[in-house]
Protein backbone atom coordinates (compact mmCIF):
# COMPACT_ATOMS: atom_id res chain seq x y z
CA MET A 1 -21.27 3.41 -1.44
CA ILE A 2 -17.92 3.91 0.27
CA ASP A 3 -17.55 2.03 3.56
CA PHE A 4 -15.55 4.53 5.60
CA ASP A 5 -15.81 2.38 8.73
CA GLN A 6 -13.96 -0.40 6.93
CA ILE A 7 -11.39 2.03 5.55
CA LEU A 8 -10.91 3.56 9.00
CA ALA A 9 -10.27 0.14 10.53
CA ALA A 10 -7.62 -0.55 7.88
CA ALA A 11 -6.08 2.88 8.41
CA GLU A 12 -5.82 2.31 12.15
CA ARG A 13 -4.12 -1.03 11.59
CA ALA A 14 -1.70 0.52 9.10
CA ASN A 15 -0.89 3.25 11.59
CA ALA A 16 -0.36 0.78 14.44
CA ALA A 17 2.09 -1.16 12.26
CA TYR A 18 4.61 1.68 12.68
CA LEU A 19 5.12 0.89 16.38
CA ASP A 20 8.51 -0.77 16.61
CA ALA A 21 8.33 -2.03 20.20
CA THR A 22 6.47 -5.33 20.09
CA ASP A 23 4.68 -4.73 23.41
CA LYS A 24 3.40 -1.36 22.19
CA ALA A 25 2.31 -2.84 18.89
CA ARG A 26 0.47 -5.64 20.68
CA THR A 27 -1.32 -3.15 22.93
CA ALA A 28 -2.33 -1.04 19.93
CA PHE A 29 -3.81 -3.96 18.02
CA VAL A 30 -5.58 -5.33 21.09
CA THR A 31 -7.05 -1.87 21.65
CA LEU A 32 -8.44 -2.10 18.11
CA GLY A 33 -10.25 -5.28 19.16
CA LEU A 34 -7.84 -7.65 17.43
CA GLU A 35 -5.81 -10.67 18.41
CA PHE A 36 -2.15 -9.80 17.92
CA LEU A 37 -0.32 -12.70 16.27
CA GLY A 38 3.16 -11.30 15.89
CA GLN A 39 5.53 -8.70 14.52
CA TYR A 40 8.05 -9.06 11.71
CA GLN A 41 11.01 -6.73 11.92
CA ASN A 42 14.41 -6.25 10.36
CA ALA A 43 16.56 -3.40 9.08
CA SER A 44 14.29 -2.64 6.13
CA HIS A 45 10.93 -4.29 6.86
CA GLN A 46 8.29 -4.22 9.56
CA ALA A 47 4.80 -5.68 9.69
CA CYS A 48 2.22 -6.89 12.16
CA LEU A 49 -0.10 -9.86 11.84
CA SER A 50 -3.47 -9.82 13.57
CA ARG A 51 -6.91 -11.34 13.34
CA ASP A 52 -10.47 -11.00 14.48
CA ALA A 53 -13.25 -13.58 14.46
CA GLU A 54 -13.52 -13.50 10.68
CA ASN A 55 -10.34 -12.13 9.09
CA VAL A 56 -6.55 -12.18 9.11
CA TYR A 57 -4.72 -8.88 8.56
CA LEU A 58 -1.15 -8.20 7.48
CA SER A 59 -0.38 -4.57 8.26
CA ILE A 60 2.86 -3.33 6.69
CA SER A 61 4.76 -0.40 8.15
CA GLY A 62 5.85 2.52 6.05
CA THR A 63 9.27 4.16 6.20
CA ARG A 64 10.45 4.26 9.82
CA PHE A 65 12.50 7.41 9.40
CA SER A 66 11.83 8.74 12.91
CA GLN A 67 13.12 5.42 14.29
CA ARG A 68 16.31 5.80 12.25
CA LYS A 69 15.66 2.64 10.27
CA PHE A 70 17.72 3.79 7.33
CA GLY A 71 17.25 0.50 5.52
CA ASP A 72 13.70 1.68 4.81
CA LEU A 73 15.07 4.78 3.11
CA PHE A 74 17.24 2.66 0.86
CA SER A 75 14.12 0.68 -0.03
CA ASP A 76 12.43 3.95 -1.00
CA ILE A 77 15.23 5.07 -3.28
CA ASP A 78 16.31 1.78 -4.86
CA LEU A 79 14.28 2.09 -8.04
CA ASP A 80 16.02 -0.53 -10.14
CA PRO A 81 13.44 -2.51 -12.13
CA ILE A 82 12.70 -6.10 -11.19
CA ASP A 83 11.03 -8.12 -13.93
CA VAL A 84 8.20 -10.19 -12.44
CA GLY A 85 7.06 -11.71 -15.71
CA GLU A 86 5.28 -10.80 -18.93
CA GLY A 87 6.87 -7.36 -19.02
CA ALA A 88 5.64 -6.42 -15.55
CA LYS A 89 8.20 -4.55 -13.46
CA VAL A 90 8.39 -3.45 -9.83
CA THR A 91 10.98 -1.43 -7.93
CA ALA A 92 13.77 -3.39 -6.31
CA GLY A 93 13.89 -1.66 -2.93
CA ALA A 94 10.22 -2.18 -2.12
CA TYR A 95 10.16 -5.70 -3.54
CA GLU A 96 13.29 -7.30 -2.15
CA GLY A 97 12.78 -9.05 1.16
CA MET A 98 9.02 -9.39 0.77
CA ALA A 99 9.22 -13.14 0.18
CA ASP A 100 10.76 -13.52 3.64
CA MET A 101 8.01 -11.42 5.20
CA TRP A 102 5.33 -13.54 3.58
CA GLU A 103 7.07 -16.74 4.65
CA TRP A 104 7.03 -15.45 8.24
CA ALA A 105 3.32 -14.67 8.02
CA ARG A 106 2.49 -18.09 6.59
CA ASP A 107 4.43 -19.81 9.35
CA ILE A 108 2.08 -18.22 11.90
CA VAL A 109 -1.29 -18.89 10.29
CA ASN A 110 -2.63 -21.53 7.97
CA ASP A 111 -1.72 -20.64 4.40
CA ASP A 112 -5.30 -21.48 3.45
CA VAL A 113 -6.57 -18.22 4.98
CA VAL A 114 -7.69 -15.19 3.00
CA TRP A 115 -5.17 -12.38 3.37
CA ASN A 116 -6.26 -8.81 4.02
CA VAL A 117 -3.35 -6.43 3.58
CA GLU A 118 -2.87 -2.74 4.25
CA GLY A 119 -0.07 -0.24 4.60
CA HIS A 120 0.94 3.39 4.46
CA SER A 121 3.65 4.90 2.27
CA LEU A 122 6.32 2.22 1.73
CA GLY A 123 3.90 -0.18 3.41
CA ALA A 124 1.21 0.60 0.85
CA TRP A 125 3.79 0.27 -1.92
CA ARG A 126 4.50 -3.25 -0.64
CA ALA A 127 0.83 -4.08 -0.08
CA ARG A 128 0.30 -3.44 -3.79
CA TYR A 129 2.69 -6.33 -4.50
CA THR A 130 0.39 -8.82 -2.76
CA PRO A 131 -0.49 -10.65 -6.03
CA LEU A 132 3.17 -11.64 -6.36
CA PHE A 133 2.93 -13.69 -3.15
CA VAL A 134 -0.72 -14.70 -2.74
CA LYS A 135 -3.00 -16.75 -4.96
CA PRO A 136 -5.84 -14.70 -6.46
CA GLU A 137 -8.55 -16.55 -4.54
CA LYS A 138 -6.74 -15.89 -1.24
CA ILE A 139 -6.55 -12.11 -1.63
CA GLY A 140 -9.12 -10.31 0.51
CA MET A 141 -9.35 -6.59 1.18
CA LEU A 142 -6.39 -4.42 0.17
CA HIS A 143 -5.98 -0.87 1.47
CA SER A 144 -3.29 1.45 0.15
CA PHE A 145 -2.70 4.74 1.97
CA GLU A 146 -0.49 7.37 0.33
CA SER A 147 1.49 4.93 -1.77
CA PRO A 148 4.24 6.11 -4.08
CA LYS A 149 4.31 4.70 -7.59
CA GLY A 150 5.76 1.24 -7.63
CA ALA A 151 5.25 -0.62 -10.87
CA ASN A 152 4.90 -0.17 -14.60
CA ARG A 153 1.66 -0.21 -16.59
CA GLU A 154 2.17 -3.84 -17.53
CA TYR A 155 2.13 -4.82 -13.85
CA TRP A 156 -1.17 -3.07 -13.18
CA GLN A 157 -2.67 -4.60 -16.31
CA LYS A 158 -1.42 -8.08 -15.46
CA TYR A 159 -2.82 -8.01 -11.92
CA GLU A 160 -5.91 -5.91 -12.51
CA GLY A 161 -8.19 -8.71 -11.37
CA GLU A 162 -6.15 -9.61 -8.29
CA LEU A 163 -6.13 -5.95 -7.22
CA ALA A 164 -9.83 -5.39 -7.83
CA SER A 165 -10.54 -5.13 -4.08
CA MET A 166 -7.85 -2.50 -3.48
CA VAL A 167 -8.96 0.80 -2.00
CA SER A 168 -6.39 3.56 -2.53
CA VAL A 169 -6.36 6.76 -0.49
CA VAL A 170 -4.41 9.95 -1.19
CA ASN A 171 -4.25 12.79 1.32
CA GLY A 172 -4.22 16.35 0.02
CA ARG A 173 -1.22 17.17 -2.15
CA ASP A 174 1.14 14.61 -0.66
CA CYS A 175 4.45 14.96 -2.47
CA TRP A 176 5.47 11.36 -1.89
CA VAL A 177 2.50 10.05 -3.85
CA SER A 178 4.33 11.54 -6.85
CA TRP A 179 7.48 9.56 -6.01
CA PRO A 180 9.46 8.46 -7.93
CA PHE A 181 9.44 11.70 -9.88
CA LYS A 182 9.43 11.35 -13.66
CA ILE A 183 12.80 13.04 -13.98
CA ILE A 184 14.24 10.14 -11.95
CA ASN A 185 12.10 7.26 -13.13
CA ASP A 186 9.90 7.34 -16.21
CA TRP A 187 8.34 3.87 -16.04
CA ALA A 188 6.80 3.60 -12.55
CA VAL A 189 3.16 4.71 -12.49
CA HIS A 190 0.05 4.40 -10.36
CA PRO A 191 -2.72 2.03 -11.46
CA ASP A 192 -5.17 3.70 -13.82
CA ARG A 193 -8.14 3.55 -11.47
CA ASP A 194 -10.11 5.69 -9.05
CA PHE A 195 -8.81 6.61 -5.61
CA ILE A 196 -10.23 8.47 -2.63
CA TRP A 197 -8.74 11.95 -2.41
CA LEU A 198 -8.95 13.41 1.09
CA SER A 199 -9.14 17.14 1.76
CA SER A 200 -9.29 19.02 5.06
CA ASP A 201 -13.04 18.59 5.47
CA SER A 202 -14.26 16.32 2.68
CA PHE A 203 -13.20 13.93 -0.06
CA SER A 204 -13.61 13.38 -3.77
CA ILE A 205 -12.93 10.60 -6.22
CA SER A 206 -9.98 11.16 -8.51
CA THR A 207 -7.65 9.31 -10.87
CA PRO A 208 -3.89 9.53 -11.34
CA ASP A 209 -4.31 11.56 -14.53
CA ALA A 210 -6.78 13.99 -12.95
CA TRP A 211 -4.88 14.48 -9.69
CA PRO A 212 -2.86 17.74 -9.86
CA GLY A 213 0.18 16.23 -8.20
CA GLY A 214 1.81 16.69 -4.85
CA PHE A 215 4.08 19.26 -3.28
CA SER A 216 3.27 18.92 0.43
CA ALA A 217 5.40 16.81 2.76
CA ARG A 218 3.04 17.64 5.62
CA ASP A 219 0.20 15.79 3.92
CA HIS A 220 2.25 12.59 4.05
CA ASP A 221 1.05 11.86 7.56
CA MET A 222 -0.79 8.70 8.60
CA ASP A 223 -2.08 10.30 11.79
CA LEU A 224 -3.71 12.99 9.65
CA VAL A 225 -5.11 10.38 7.27
CA VAL A 226 -6.69 8.51 10.18
CA LYS A 227 -8.14 11.73 11.58
CA ARG A 228 -9.73 12.69 8.26
CA ILE A 229 -11.13 9.23 7.58
CA ARG A 230 -12.54 9.06 11.11
CA ALA A 231 -14.39 12.33 10.49
CA LEU A 232 -15.80 10.97 7.22
CA ALA A 233 -16.90 7.75 8.93
CA GLN A 234 -18.68 9.75 11.61
CA SER A 235 -20.34 11.97 9.02
CA SER A 236 -21.56 8.90 7.15
CA LYS A 237 -23.17 7.55 10.32
CA GLU A 238 -24.86 10.86 11.05
CA ALA A 239 -26.21 11.05 7.51
CA ALA A 240 -27.61 7.51 7.62
């Protein structure tokens, strides 16, 4: 059974990670009932670290286009392959700089913790690289909201076990879930596994091969994703 309350909590954290002013980010995470541990921020990366009584959460921001953080855009479009071993490849723009982000996070909390990671868009793209920086036994819940493609088939096969906890969510016909387009990049793919496909008033379970593809920029909207997941969480409670 799908735990929409858990997915909603992750979606709200991923959405709050977009707030670039540290005070506003702290307020948002505290409002969610979390202890705010800090914010990582540079020209092409942003993330927030928080915790509750049981878990530590790294929430990675997506592309901060409205904040004119153009470094994020370069991360989106730098699709050069980076070999991460055994034929596995990831895209350079999303990958580069992540080691520094993880070093920052580890400096704040004990590295012995279990890491729960979520993100939207570019943030989800980067969340999917968690196995490159975290030992398998230290990976907790992973939530990917509207992620573009970001690795080749060999990557998804290599880290299938480490990514077993990952919940992926696609909203409507989001065009950026199809990024990078095959005409531009023919090796980056989504993992061959189920994802939650949100519609205006419901959801279904789909796979990358079955999904008809995206053409809507409007569906690439974390506020809308949160709204739809909240409605599903409420419906689940009413049906219980």
